[in-house]
Protein backbone atom coordinates (compact mmCIF):
# COMPACT_ATOMS: atom_id res chain seq x y z
CA GLU A 1 0.00 0.00 0.00
CA ARG A 2 1.38 3.42 -0.98
CA PRO A 3 0.85 6.44 1.30
CA PHE A 4 0.16 9.91 -0.10
CA ARG A 5 3.84 10.62 -0.81
CA GLY A 6 3.98 7.72 -3.22
CA PHE A 7 6.53 5.61 -1.29
CA THR A 8 6.04 2.11 0.03
CA PRO A 9 7.34 1.33 3.55
CA GLY A 10 10.13 -0.64 1.93
CA GLN A 11 11.14 2.33 -0.20
CA VAL A 12 11.18 4.60 2.84
CA ALA A 13 13.43 2.16 4.70
CA ARG A 14 15.73 1.90 1.70
CA LYS A 15 15.85 5.69 1.43
CA ARG A 16 16.97 5.90 5.05
CA GLY A 17 19.67 3.28 4.51
CA MET A 18 17.97 0.63 6.64
CA VAL A 19 17.69 -3.10 6.01
CA VAL A 20 14.45 -3.79 4.14
CA PRO A 21 12.59 -6.92 5.32
CA ASN A 22 11.79 -9.35 2.53
CA ASP A 23 8.03 -8.99 3.01
CA LEU A 24 8.31 -5.24 2.33
CA LYS A 25 10.35 -5.55 -0.83
CA MET A 26 8.72 -5.15 -4.20
CA LEU A 27 9.76 -7.43 -7.03
CA SER A 28 11.37 -4.54 -8.87
CA GLU A 29 13.44 -3.38 -5.87
CA ASP A 30 17.07 -4.29 -5.48
CA SER A 31 18.83 -5.13 -2.24
CA PRO A 32 19.89 -2.16 -0.07
CA VAL A 33 23.05 -0.34 -1.11
CA ARG A 34 24.28 0.20 2.45
CA ASP A 35 26.64 -2.42 3.84
CA LEU A 36 26.04 -2.69 7.59
CA ILE A 37 29.48 -4.23 8.13
CA ILE A 38 31.30 -1.30 6.56
CA ASP A 39 28.77 1.31 7.72
CA PRO A 40 27.15 0.06 10.94
CA ASP A 41 24.57 1.97 12.94
CA GLY A 42 26.10 4.69 15.09
CA SER A 43 25.08 5.78 18.56
CA THR A 44 24.62 9.11 20.31
CA LEU A 45 26.88 10.31 23.11
CA ILE A 46 25.47 12.45 25.94
CA LEU A 47 28.04 14.51 27.85
CA CYS A 48 27.66 16.32 31.18
CA HIS A 49 29.52 17.05 34.39
CA GLU A 50 28.34 17.32 37.96
CA VAL A 51 30.05 20.68 38.47
CA CYS A 52 27.53 22.19 36.05
CA LEU A 53 25.02 21.59 38.84
CA GLN A 54 27.21 23.70 41.15
CA HIS A 55 26.77 26.81 39.00
CA ARG A 56 24.39 28.57 41.40
CA THR A 57 22.42 31.52 40.14
CA CYS A 58 20.31 31.90 43.30
CA PRO A 59 20.13 30.60 46.87
CA PRO A 60 18.77 27.05 47.28
CA ILE A 61 15.25 26.80 45.89
CA VAL A 62 12.77 25.87 48.63
CA ARG A 63 9.09 25.65 47.78
CA GLY A 64 6.46 26.57 50.33
CA VAL A 65 8.63 29.10 52.16
CA GLU A 66 7.16 32.59 52.11
CA GLU A 67 10.48 34.45 52.19
CA SER A 68 11.84 32.34 49.32
CA SER A 69 11.71 34.42 46.14
CA GLU A 70 10.99 33.06 42.67
CA PRO A 71 14.22 31.62 41.22
CA PRO A 72 15.68 33.09 38.02
CA PRO A 73 14.86 31.29 34.76
CA GLU A 74 18.39 29.88 34.43
CA ASN A 75 18.78 27.68 37.51
CA VAL A 76 20.05 24.25 38.46
CA ARG A 77 16.67 22.57 37.94
CA ARG A 78 17.09 22.90 34.17
CA LEU A 79 19.71 20.15 34.26
CA ASN A 80 17.94 18.08 36.89
CA VAL A 81 14.91 17.49 34.66
CA LEU A 82 17.28 16.18 31.96
CA ILE A 83 20.03 14.14 33.61
CA ASN A 84 18.85 13.30 37.14
CA ASN A 85 19.48 9.58 37.71
CA ASP A 86 15.99 8.99 39.13
CA ASP A 87 13.67 11.05 36.94
CA GLY A 88 15.70 12.86 34.26
CA ILE A 89 14.06 12.50 30.88
CA LEU A 90 17.32 11.54 29.16
CA ARG A 91 17.65 8.65 31.64
CA CYS A 92 14.40 7.01 30.55
CA GLY A 93 14.24 3.76 28.59
CA GLU A 94 13.80 5.47 25.25
CA PHE A 95 17.41 6.69 25.40
CA SER A 96 18.91 3.57 26.93
CA GLY A 97 20.97 3.08 23.76
CA CYS A 98 22.80 6.38 24.31
CA LYS A 99 26.24 6.34 25.88
CA TRP A 100 27.11 8.72 28.72
CA ASN A 101 30.25 10.63 29.63
CA THR A 102 29.78 12.33 32.99
CA ASP A 103 33.39 13.33 33.63
CA VAL A 104 34.28 15.66 30.78
CA ARG A 105 37.54 17.58 30.82
CA ARG A 106 38.06 21.31 31.18
CA ALA A 107 38.51 23.37 28.05
CA ALA A 108 42.17 24.30 27.58
CA LEU A 109 42.94 27.98 27.99
CA ALA A 110 44.45 28.05 24.50
CA ASP A 111 41.08 26.92 23.07
CA VAL A 112 39.15 29.46 25.14
CA LEU A 113 41.41 32.30 23.99
CA LYS A 114 40.68 31.51 20.34
CA VAL A 115 37.30 33.18 20.86
CA HIS A 116 37.56 35.28 24.07
CA GLU A 117 39.85 38.09 25.20
CA TYR A 118 42.07 37.18 28.14
CA THR A 119 41.00 40.25 30.12
CA TYR A 120 37.40 39.01 30.09
CA VAL A 121 38.38 35.45 31.02
CA GLU A 122 40.57 36.69 33.87
CA LYS A 123 37.90 39.03 35.19
CA THR A 124 35.27 36.27 35.26
CA SER A 125 37.65 33.77 36.87
CA LYS A 126 38.65 36.22 39.63
CA LEU A 127 35.04 37.14 40.39
CA CYS A 128 34.07 33.49 40.86
CA SER A 129 37.20 32.68 42.90
CA ALA A 130 36.50 35.61 45.23
CA THR A 131 32.96 34.35 45.90
CA PRO A 132 32.74 32.14 49.04
CA ASP A 133 31.89 28.48 48.47
CA HIS A 134 28.51 28.73 50.17
CA PRO A 135 25.06 27.84 48.77
CA LYS A 136 23.76 31.37 49.30
CA ALA A 137 26.88 33.24 48.12
CA ILE A 138 26.39 34.68 44.63
CA GLN A 139 27.75 37.65 42.68
CA THR A 140 26.12 39.58 39.84
CA LEU A 141 27.74 40.21 36.49
CA ASP A 142 24.77 42.32 35.40
CA ALA A 143 21.03 42.60 36.03
CA ASP A 144 20.21 39.12 34.71
CA THR A 145 23.42 37.09 35.14
CA THR A 146 24.76 35.83 38.47
CA VAL A 147 27.69 33.59 39.34
CA SER A 148 28.90 31.58 42.31
CA HIS A 149 32.19 30.02 43.42
CA TRP A 150 32.05 27.14 40.95
CA SER A 151 30.55 29.03 37.99
CA PHE A 152 33.80 29.55 36.08
CA GLU A 153 34.78 25.92 36.61
CA ALA A 154 31.33 24.91 35.30
CA ALA A 155 31.85 27.14 32.24
CA LEU A 156 35.23 25.49 31.54
CA ARG A 157 33.67 22.03 31.85
CA ALA A 158 30.77 23.07 29.61
CA ALA A 159 33.14 24.28 26.89
CA GLY A 160 35.34 21.23 27.45
CA SER A 161 32.40 18.91 26.91
CA VAL A 162 31.92 20.31 23.40
CA CYS A 163 35.64 19.81 22.66
CA GLU A 164 35.49 16.26 24.01
CA ALA A 165 32.38 15.56 21.93
CA VAL A 166 34.38 16.62 18.87
CA ASP A 167 37.10 14.13 19.80
CA LYS A 168 34.65 11.26 20.24
CA VAL A 169 32.79 11.95 17.00
CA MET A 170 36.03 12.35 15.04
CA ALA A 171 37.33 9.06 16.46
CA GLY A 172 34.33 7.33 14.92
CA ASP A 173 33.06 6.08 18.27
CA TYR A 174 29.81 7.99 17.90
CA ARG A 175 27.92 9.51 15.00
CA ASN A 176 26.71 12.55 16.96
CA ALA A 177 26.69 13.97 20.49
CA PHE A 178 24.57 16.13 22.78
CA CYS A 179 26.11 18.19 25.61
CA ALA A 180 23.72 18.69 28.56
CA ILE A 181 25.54 21.63 30.09
CA ARG A 182 25.20 24.97 31.78
CA PRO A 183 25.90 27.87 31.90
CA PRO A 184 24.80 28.52 28.31
CA GLY A 185 27.10 30.42 25.98
CA HIS A 186 25.74 31.83 22.73
CA HIS A 187 25.39 35.43 24.06
CA ALA A 188 29.03 35.55 25.18
CA GLY A 189 31.17 37.55 22.75
CA PRO A 190 34.94 38.07 22.69
CA ARG A 191 34.67 40.42 25.68
CA GLY A 192 31.52 38.97 27.14
CA ILE A 193 28.78 41.54 26.59
CA VAL A 194 27.79 42.30 22.99
CA THR A 195 25.99 45.58 22.31
CA CYS A 196 23.90 46.78 19.38
CA PRO A 197 22.21 50.07 18.36
CA ASN A 198 18.88 48.96 19.89
CA ASP A 199 20.58 48.01 23.17
CA PRO A 200 23.77 50.05 23.66
CA ASP A 201 24.35 48.58 27.13
CA GLY A 202 23.83 44.89 26.44
CA SER A 203 24.04 42.06 28.97
CA HIS A 204 25.57 38.62 29.43
CA GLY A 205 22.24 36.83 28.97
CA PHE A 206 23.10 34.05 31.51
CA CYS A 207 26.26 33.21 29.48
CA LEU A 208 29.93 33.09 30.53
CA LEU A 209 31.96 31.28 27.83
CA ASN A 210 30.75 30.60 24.31
CA ASN A 211 30.77 26.80 24.47
CA ILE A 212 29.77 26.09 20.88
CA ALA A 213 32.21 28.60 19.36
CA ILE A 214 35.07 27.20 21.46
CA GLY A 215 34.20 23.70 20.25
CA ALA A 216 33.95 24.77 16.60
CA ALA A 217 37.30 26.59 16.78
CA TYR A 218 38.83 23.52 18.44
CA ALA A 219 37.58 21.23 15.66
CA ARG A 220 38.89 23.50 12.90
CA SER A 221 42.36 23.85 14.45
CA MET A 222 42.87 20.40 16.02
CA TYR A 223 41.54 18.31 13.12
CA ARG A 224 42.69 20.43 10.20
CA ASN A 225 44.72 17.46 8.92
CA ASP A 226 41.92 14.95 9.50
CA GLY A 227 39.32 16.25 7.11
CA ILE A 228 37.83 19.12 9.14
CA LYS A 229 38.19 22.24 7.06
CA LYS A 230 34.72 23.77 7.13
CA VAL A 231 32.57 24.06 10.25
CA ALA A 232 28.99 25.31 10.52
CA ILE A 233 27.05 26.56 13.55
CA ILE A 234 23.23 26.51 13.55
CA ASP A 235 21.42 28.33 16.39
CA PHE A 236 17.66 27.77 16.89
CA ASP A 237 17.38 29.41 20.32
CA VAL A 238 14.58 32.01 20.42
CA HIS A 239 17.17 34.70 21.20
CA HIS A 240 19.67 35.84 18.60
CA GLY A 241 23.08 34.21 19.03
CA ASN A 242 24.73 37.62 19.08
CA GLY A 243 27.82 36.44 20.94
CA THR A 244 28.54 33.67 18.44
CA GLU A 245 27.97 36.03 15.52
CA GLU A 246 30.35 38.61 16.98
CA ILE A 247 33.00 35.92 17.43
CA VAL A 248 32.59 34.88 13.80
CA ARG A 249 32.96 38.52 12.72
CA GLN A 250 36.27 38.68 14.61
CA LEU A 251 37.71 36.18 12.12
CA THR A 252 38.72 39.16 10.01
CA PRO A 253 41.03 41.96 11.26
CA ASN A 254 39.14 44.95 12.53
CA THR A 255 39.89 48.32 14.10
CA GLU A 256 37.79 49.53 17.02
CA HIS A 257 37.39 53.20 17.88
CA ALA A 258 36.46 54.92 21.12
CA VAL A 259 36.25 58.56 22.17
CA VAL A 260 37.04 59.73 25.70
CA ARG A 261 35.89 63.18 26.84
CA THR A 262 37.22 65.01 29.88
CA PRO A 263 36.65 68.59 31.07
CA PHE A 264 40.02 69.53 29.58
CA ALA A 265 40.36 67.46 26.40
CA VAL A 266 38.87 64.93 24.02
CA GLY A 267 40.86 61.84 23.10
CA ALA A 268 40.37 59.15 20.46
CA PHE A 269 41.57 55.58 20.91
CA HIS A 270 42.09 53.00 18.20
CA THR A 271 42.84 49.33 18.75
CA SER A 272 43.11 46.40 16.38
CA SER A 273 41.21 43.19 17.07
CA TYR A 274 41.57 39.82 15.40
CA LYS A 275 40.71 36.37 16.80
CA PRO A 276 41.56 33.74 14.17
CA TRP A 277 40.68 30.09 14.76
CA LEU A 278 43.30 28.71 12.40
CA ASP A 279 44.44 31.02 9.60
CA GLU A 280 43.41 33.75 7.17
CA ASN A 281 40.97 31.37 5.43
CA ASP A 282 38.65 31.26 8.46
CA ILE A 283 36.16 33.64 6.85
CA ASN A 284 35.63 31.20 3.97
CA ASP A 285 35.42 28.09 6.13
CA VAL A 286 33.08 29.12 8.98
CA PHE A 287 29.29 29.34 8.54
CA PHE A 288 26.81 30.74 11.09
CA ALA A 289 23.00 30.81 10.91
CA SER A 290 20.53 31.87 13.59
CA THR A 291 16.72 31.78 13.62
CA HIS A 292 15.18 33.80 16.43
CA GLY A 293 12.62 36.41 17.42
CA TYR A 294 13.27 40.01 16.45
CA GLY A 295 11.16 43.08 17.15
CA PRO A 296 9.33 44.84 19.98
CA ARG A 297 8.61 42.93 23.14
CA ASP A 298 4.89 43.69 22.99
CA ARG A 299 2.58 42.75 20.15
CA GLN A 300 0.42 45.88 20.34
CA PRO A 301 1.81 48.63 22.55
CA ILE A 302 -0.83 50.79 24.19
CA PRO A 303 -1.29 54.05 22.25
CA GLY A 304 0.33 56.95 24.04
CA MET A 305 2.37 54.67 26.29
CA VAL A 306 6.10 54.01 26.13
CA GLN A 307 6.80 50.85 24.15
CA GLY A 308 7.91 47.88 26.25
CA GLY A 309 11.33 47.73 24.63
CA TRP A 310 13.02 45.32 22.27
CA PHE A 311 12.92 41.57 22.50
CA TYR A 312 16.30 40.45 23.88
CA PRO A 313 19.01 40.96 22.69
CA ALA A 314 17.45 43.51 20.29
CA SER A 315 19.66 42.38 17.40
CA GLY A 316 19.36 39.84 14.60
CA GLU A 317 17.31 41.55 11.92
CA THR A 318 16.88 39.29 8.88
CA TYR A 319 20.15 39.45 7.00
CA LYS A 320 22.24 37.36 4.62
CA SER A 321 25.85 38.37 4.07
CA LYS A 322 26.95 39.11 0.53
CA SER A 323 29.51 36.31 0.71
CA LEU A 324 26.50 33.95 0.66
CA ALA A 325 23.93 35.97 -1.28
CA SER A 326 26.21 37.33 -4.02
CA PRO A 327 29.84 36.23 -3.63
CA SER A 328 30.90 38.01 -6.82
CA ASP A 329 30.13 41.39 -5.20
CA ILE A 330 32.70 40.84 -2.44
CA GLU A 331 36.27 41.93 -3.00
CA THR A 332 38.66 39.06 -2.41
CA PRO A 333 41.98 40.01 -0.79
CA ASN A 334 45.20 38.19 -1.53
CA LEU A 335 45.22 35.72 1.32
CA SER A 336 48.59 34.25 0.38
CA GLU A 337 50.18 37.63 1.17
CA PHE A 338 48.01 38.28 4.20
CA LEU A 339 50.78 39.39 6.56
CA LEU A 340 53.12 40.92 3.98
CA SER A 341 50.72 43.12 2.05
CA GLN A 342 48.26 43.96 4.85
CA SER A 343 45.62 44.09 2.13
CA TRP A 344 42.82 43.59 4.69
CA ALA A 345 43.77 46.78 6.49
CA ARG A 346 42.78 48.77 3.40
CA LEU A 347 39.38 47.13 2.99
CA GLY A 348 36.33 49.09 4.08
CA ASP A 349 33.55 48.39 6.55
CA ASP A 350 31.29 47.01 3.81
CA TYR A 351 33.75 44.20 3.19
CA ARG A 352 34.21 43.45 6.89
CA ASN A 353 30.45 43.32 7.41
CA ASN A 354 29.83 40.96 4.49
CA CYS A 355 32.91 38.75 4.12
CA CYS A 356 31.84 36.30 6.86
CA LYS A 357 29.21 33.69 6.01
CA ILE A 358 26.31 34.72 8.25
CA ILE A 359 22.54 34.27 8.01
CA ASP A 360 20.11 35.86 10.48
CA ILE A 361 16.40 35.09 10.31
CA GLY A 362 14.53 37.55 12.55
CA LEU A 363 10.99 36.20 13.01
CA SER A 364 8.24 38.62 14.04
CA LEU A 365 5.30 38.16 16.37
CA PRO A 366 2.16 36.60 14.85
CA TYR A 367 -0.46 39.10 13.73
CA LYS A 368 -3.06 37.55 16.05
CA ASP A 369 -2.95 35.19 19.00
CA ASP A 370 -5.11 32.40 17.57
CA PRO A 371 -4.57 28.81 16.31
CA TYR A 372 -4.45 29.84 12.63
CA HIS A 373 -1.69 32.40 13.09
CA HIS A 374 0.20 30.04 15.42
CA SER A 375 0.22 27.47 12.62
CA LEU A 376 1.43 30.09 10.14
CA GLN A 377 4.14 31.06 12.64
CA ARG A 378 5.46 27.49 12.74
CA CYS A 379 5.27 27.19 8.97
CA GLU A 380 7.23 30.45 8.62
CA LEU A 381 10.00 29.01 10.79
CA ARG A 382 10.18 25.79 8.77
CA ASP A 383 10.19 27.70 5.50
CA ALA A 384 13.07 29.83 6.81
CA TYR A 385 15.09 26.63 7.04
CA ARG A 386 13.78 25.05 3.84
CA LYS A 387 14.25 28.11 1.63
CA ASN A 388 17.18 29.90 3.22
CA VAL A 389 19.27 28.18 5.90
CA LEU A 390 19.41 24.58 4.66
CA PRO A 391 20.13 25.32 0.96
CA SER A 392 22.95 27.69 1.96
CA LEU A 393 24.29 25.16 4.44
CA LEU A 394 24.19 22.45 1.79
CA GLU A 395 26.06 24.68 -0.64
CA PHE A 396 28.64 25.51 2.04
CA ASP A 397 29.27 21.74 2.40
CA PRO A 398 30.50 21.60 6.03
CA ASP A 399 32.79 18.93 7.44
CA MET A 400 31.10 19.14 10.86
CA ILE A 401 27.87 20.76 12.06
CA PHE A 402 27.49 22.35 15.51
CA ILE A 403 24.07 23.15 17.00
CA SER A 404 23.32 25.81 19.60
CA ALA A 405 20.24 24.01 20.88
CA GLY A 406 18.00 26.45 22.74
CA PHE A 407 14.48 25.36 23.66
CA ASP A 408 12.98 28.65 24.84
CA ALA A 409 11.17 29.13 21.53
CA HIS A 410 8.49 26.68 22.75
CA ARG A 411 5.01 28.15 22.64
CA LYS A 412 4.52 27.60 26.38
CA ASP A 413 7.83 29.20 27.40
CA THR A 414 7.09 32.68 28.73
CA MET A 415 10.65 33.88 28.04
CA ASN A 416 9.85 34.25 24.34
CA PHE A 417 6.94 36.76 24.71
CA GLY A 418 5.09 34.94 21.91
CA TYR A 419 7.97 34.80 19.40
CA VAL A 420 8.58 31.75 17.16
CA GLY A 421 6.06 29.49 18.96
CA MET A 422 7.63 26.08 18.32
CA LEU A 423 6.31 22.74 19.54
CA GLU A 424 8.18 19.53 20.32
CA GLU A 425 7.72 18.17 16.81
CA ASP A 426 9.32 21.31 15.37
CA TYR A 427 12.53 20.68 17.33
CA GLU A 428 12.54 17.12 16.08
CA TRP A 429 11.90 18.27 12.51
CA ILE A 430 14.74 20.82 12.50
CA THR A 431 17.15 18.25 13.93
CA GLU A 432 16.06 15.69 11.33
CA GLN A 433 16.78 18.18 8.54
CA LEU A 434 20.23 18.93 9.95
CA VAL A 435 20.90 15.19 10.22
CA LYS A 436 20.01 14.82 6.52
CA VAL A 437 22.40 17.64 5.59
CA ALA A 438 25.09 16.06 7.78
CA ASN A 439 24.51 12.71 6.05
CA THR A 440 24.91 14.47 2.71
CA CYS A 441 28.03 16.47 3.56
CA CYS A 442 29.97 15.07 6.51
CA ASN A 443 29.05 11.46 7.36
CA GLY A 444 26.49 12.61 9.92
CA ARG A 445 28.94 14.42 12.20
CA ILE A 446 26.91 16.65 14.54
CA VAL A 447 27.76 18.10 17.96
CA SER A 448 24.90 19.82 19.82
CA ALA A 449 25.10 21.86 23.02
CA LEU A 450 22.31 23.05 25.31
CA GLU A 451 21.58 26.78 25.35
CA GLY A 452 18.24 28.20 26.56
CA GLY A 453 14.90 26.68 27.57
CA TYR A 454 13.23 27.62 30.85
CA LYS A 455 9.72 26.15 31.04
CA ILE A 456 10.65 23.37 33.47
CA HIS A 457 7.44 23.26 35.55
CA GLY A 458 6.20 19.69 35.35
CA GLY A 459 9.63 18.13 35.44
CA ILE A 460 9.93 15.24 33.03
CA VAL A 461 6.71 16.23 31.22
CA SER A 462 7.55 19.95 31.05
CA PRO A 463 7.78 21.65 27.64
CA PHE A 464 11.53 22.02 28.14
CA ALA A 465 12.13 18.35 28.94
CA ARG A 466 9.91 17.12 26.10
CA SER A 467 11.59 19.49 23.62
CA VAL A 468 15.08 18.30 24.58
CA ALA A 469 13.88 14.71 24.29
CA SER A 470 12.57 15.42 20.78
CA HIS A 471 15.92 16.89 19.77
CA VAL A 472 17.93 13.97 21.18
CA ARG A 473 15.45 11.50 19.68
CA ALA A 474 16.21 12.86 16.22
CA LEU A 475 19.95 12.60 16.92
CA VAL A 476 19.52 8.99 18.05
CA ASP A 477 17.51 8.23 14.92
CA GLY A 478 20.31 9.83 12.91
CA GLY A 479 22.62 7.10 14.14
CA SER A 480 20.84 4.55 11.97
CA SER A 481 19.43 6.80 9.22
CA ARG A 482 21.48 7.61 6.15
CA GLU A 483 18.78 9.67 4.43
CA LEU A 484 20.12 12.56 2.37
CA TYR A 485 18.66 16.04 2.14
CA ASP A 486 16.27 16.46 -0.80
CA LYS A 487 15.34 20.00 -1.94
CA ASP A 488 12.38 18.78 -3.99
CA GLU A 489 10.92 16.95 -1.02
CA ALA A 490 11.37 20.06 1.12
CA GLU A 491 9.42 22.14 -1.42
CA TRP A 492 6.64 19.53 -1.57
CA GLU A 493 6.49 19.46 2.22
CA SER A 494 6.18 23.24 2.39
CA GLN A 495 3.26 23.29 -0.04
CA TYR A 496 1.55 20.41 1.73
CA GLU A 497 1.81 22.08 5.15
CA LYS A 498 0.36 25.33 3.84
CA HIS A 499 -2.50 23.41 2.23
CA MET A 500 -3.26 21.60 5.49
CA ILE A 501 -3.20 24.87 7.45
CA GLU A 502 -5.67 26.49 5.06
CA GLU A 503 -7.96 23.43 5.15
CA LYS A 504 -7.89 23.40 8.94
CA GLU A 505 -8.71 27.11 9.06
CA LYS A 506 -11.66 26.61 6.68
CA LYS A 507 -13.06 23.89 8.94
CA ARG A 508 -12.60 26.11 11.98
CA GLN A 509 -14.46 28.96 10.32
CA MET A 510 -17.24 26.61 9.27
CA LYS A 511 -17.62 25.40 12.85
CA GLN A 512 -17.81 28.99 14.07
CA ALA A 513 -20.45 29.79 11.44
CA ARG A 514 -22.52 26.74 12.46
CA ALA A 515 -22.17 27.74 16.11
CA ALA A 516 -23.37 31.28 15.39
CA THR A 517 -26.29 29.93 13.35
CA ALA A 518 -27.28 27.45 16.08
CA ALA A 519 -27.11 30.14 18.74
CA ARG A 520 -29.21 32.50 16.64
CA GLU A 521 -31.86 29.83 15.94
CA LEU A 522 -32.00 28.87 19.60
CA ARG A 523 -32.47 32.50 20.59
CA GLN A 524 -35.25 32.97 18.04
CA SER A 525 -37.05 29.81 19.18
CA LEU A 526 -36.92 30.92 22.80
CA LEU A 527 -38.15 34.41 21.95
CA SER A 528 -41.02 33.00 19.90
CA SER A 529 -42.44 31.16 22.95
CA PRO A 530 -42.57 33.79 25.72
CA ARG A 531 -43.29 32.80 29.30
CA GLN A 532 -46.46 33.84 31.19
CA THR A 533 -46.67 35.59 34.53
CA ASN A 534 -48.68 34.24 37.50
CA THR A 535 -51.69 36.25 36.39
CA GLY A 536 -51.56 34.67 32.93
CA ILE A 537 -50.45 37.86 31.24
CA VAL A 538 -47.58 37.50 28.78
CA ASP A 539 -44.56 39.56 29.82
CA GLU A 540 -42.49 39.56 26.63
CA GLN A 541 -40.14 42.35 27.68
CA ASN A 542 -39.18 40.67 30.96
CA HIS A 543 -38.76 37.37 29.11
CA GLU A 544 -36.44 38.98 26.55
CA ASP A 545 -34.37 40.61 29.31
CA ALA A 546 -34.02 37.23 31.01
CA LEU A 547 -32.81 35.66 27.77
CA LEU A 548 -30.21 38.37 27.36
CA ARG A 549 -28.83 37.44 30.78
CA GLU A 550 -28.70 33.71 30.01
CA GLU A 551 -25.50 32.13 28.76
CA LEU A 552 -25.75 29.50 26.09
CA PRO A 553 -23.64 26.38 26.68
CA HIS A 554 -20.48 26.42 24.60
CA ASN A 555 -17.18 24.65 24.15
CA ASP A 556 -13.77 25.81 22.95
CA VAL A 557 -14.85 25.97 19.30
CA GLY A 558 -18.06 27.83 20.06
CA ILE A 559 -20.63 25.18 18.99
CA ALA A 560 -23.68 25.50 21.21
CA ASP A 561 -25.53 22.33 20.13
CA GLU A 562 -22.69 19.94 21.04
CA PRO A 563 -22.67 18.42 24.54
CA SER A 564 -19.94 19.42 26.94
CA ARG A 565 -17.18 16.86 27.45
CA LYS A 566 -16.77 17.86 31.08
CA ARG A 567 -18.45 15.61 33.63
CA ALA A 568 -21.22 17.32 35.59
CA ARG A 569 -20.27 17.71 39.26
CA LYS A 570 -22.75 18.23 42.06
CA PRO A 571 -21.90 20.77 44.77
CA VAL A 572 -20.56 19.15 47.92
CA ASP A 573 -21.30 20.36 51.45
CA TYR A 574 -18.06 19.34 53.14
CA LYS A 575 -19.28 20.27 56.63
CA GLN A 576 -22.28 17.99 56.30
CA LEU A 577 -20.07 15.28 54.79
CA LEU A 578 -17.71 15.48 57.77
CA GLU A 579 -20.60 15.18 60.21
CA GLU A 580 -21.92 12.09 58.36
CA MET A 581 -18.46 10.49 58.40
CA GLN A 582 -18.11 11.12 62.14
CA THR A 583 -21.62 9.72 62.78
CA ASN A 584 -21.06 6.57 60.69
CA SER A 585 -17.54 5.90 61.94
CA PRO A 586 -17.26 3.11 64.55
CA SER A 587 -16.90 4.33 68.11
CA LYS A 588 -13.55 3.92 69.78
């Protein structure tokens, strides 16, 4: 039997590189191309370290205590719902085939300094060292980022886990890896805070070291003779990965300017900045793409009131660098004479802003807060990948793909203010597409690291836990799947989703129309049979007023003639019930 796509189950299995059972083979089908001896199924590695649980952002969280304040979004419970031995979602039977590494190494200082300035690293290290090793002892980096005694050690272990994941994947032991770590890192730039015109002050955004950038730089430098030339970073956190983007922009020499004013004089300072990962070819061999929310924090600001500000970090407007959109328009310096000619020093700002391979997809708030526009919002996100990110990534042809995996774009996560509005299946879909690209370009090599995601209420069944599970599930499935990315299938899928959304909206509107018609007919029938008063005189006006005060039964789609699914409950007099229980109880 053929489903609507026109493939038999056997053809789907063959497409994914799986062994096709004989009863699913058609007479015209050949045996599978994949040799399971040469290309066996791979497994997924999960990396973490207990010191990441010692990164305290608030005093111990105690529920039921009045003086205990609400904990910040980024707190230790985010990891507990994932990796706790008793009830962490990644410890459940579904992921029993995953291998664990719970004692990852620290990131080497040389690897950290490929992306961060030493002054920033030293400042953060000293602040944490000066903080007492006490559960309630914390220090603030800014209004939203706090650290404790073990925070810098946790940041080193988090970055080290990404580097160790690279080692394991490159050794062929695992096909992909997921790093369950904190603190997150994609807002951390070369000097920590990254500013922009919409937010000239900026903030750390819960981040200390840029874990994924450190891992990508490590892969490009350490394995340059083992087939790793091009690396790609994909960020699907709801917030723009401004720190990672700024690090990528530092792959070309740049001059920074600052003006200092005093009562007696005005001075100008100029300093050169350049943070290469390997050599002068970095700008051609590093790819960064981020999909995120961009725009005002409020959907409809109140007229005459001050707007609620920009959605954090107020950067990431939709943009595609010319080196990807139109490479012929970018001047190409003589890289072979990079140090001798200093040709890059004579290039203008336009070149520096467009020579790096960067894609930003700034998604706006939905026009309305209803199911139809939520569906369009999800379709817009998927189309951003199908029509922009994935084709460019495929053309870039990476040797390893890194994922900044943030899960705060979930529709139920309040940190996103309504932006992006993903569901669990969207995280699984994006990961599946990246696995297909990895299968096409780099033998499935993917390293993913945890970034945001804060809706942890509910523990193992929380939106955060279920979203992470969907992401890891797709990685696990990628261990056995060898399916390649297909642009034609992506286009078909886009058209099909839009068709289904429109059909669903038509049915919803039809239900609403039937509900309005039923309510109107019921009202007319009640008005046509007015009640009589005790004296037998018809009081039509009073009857009509009573009808106006009555509420017709309704459900969530507004259909009045359908029965309610909720069970009718009778009111309970608990005082009388207690007296009956005491009366009927046997005497002592």
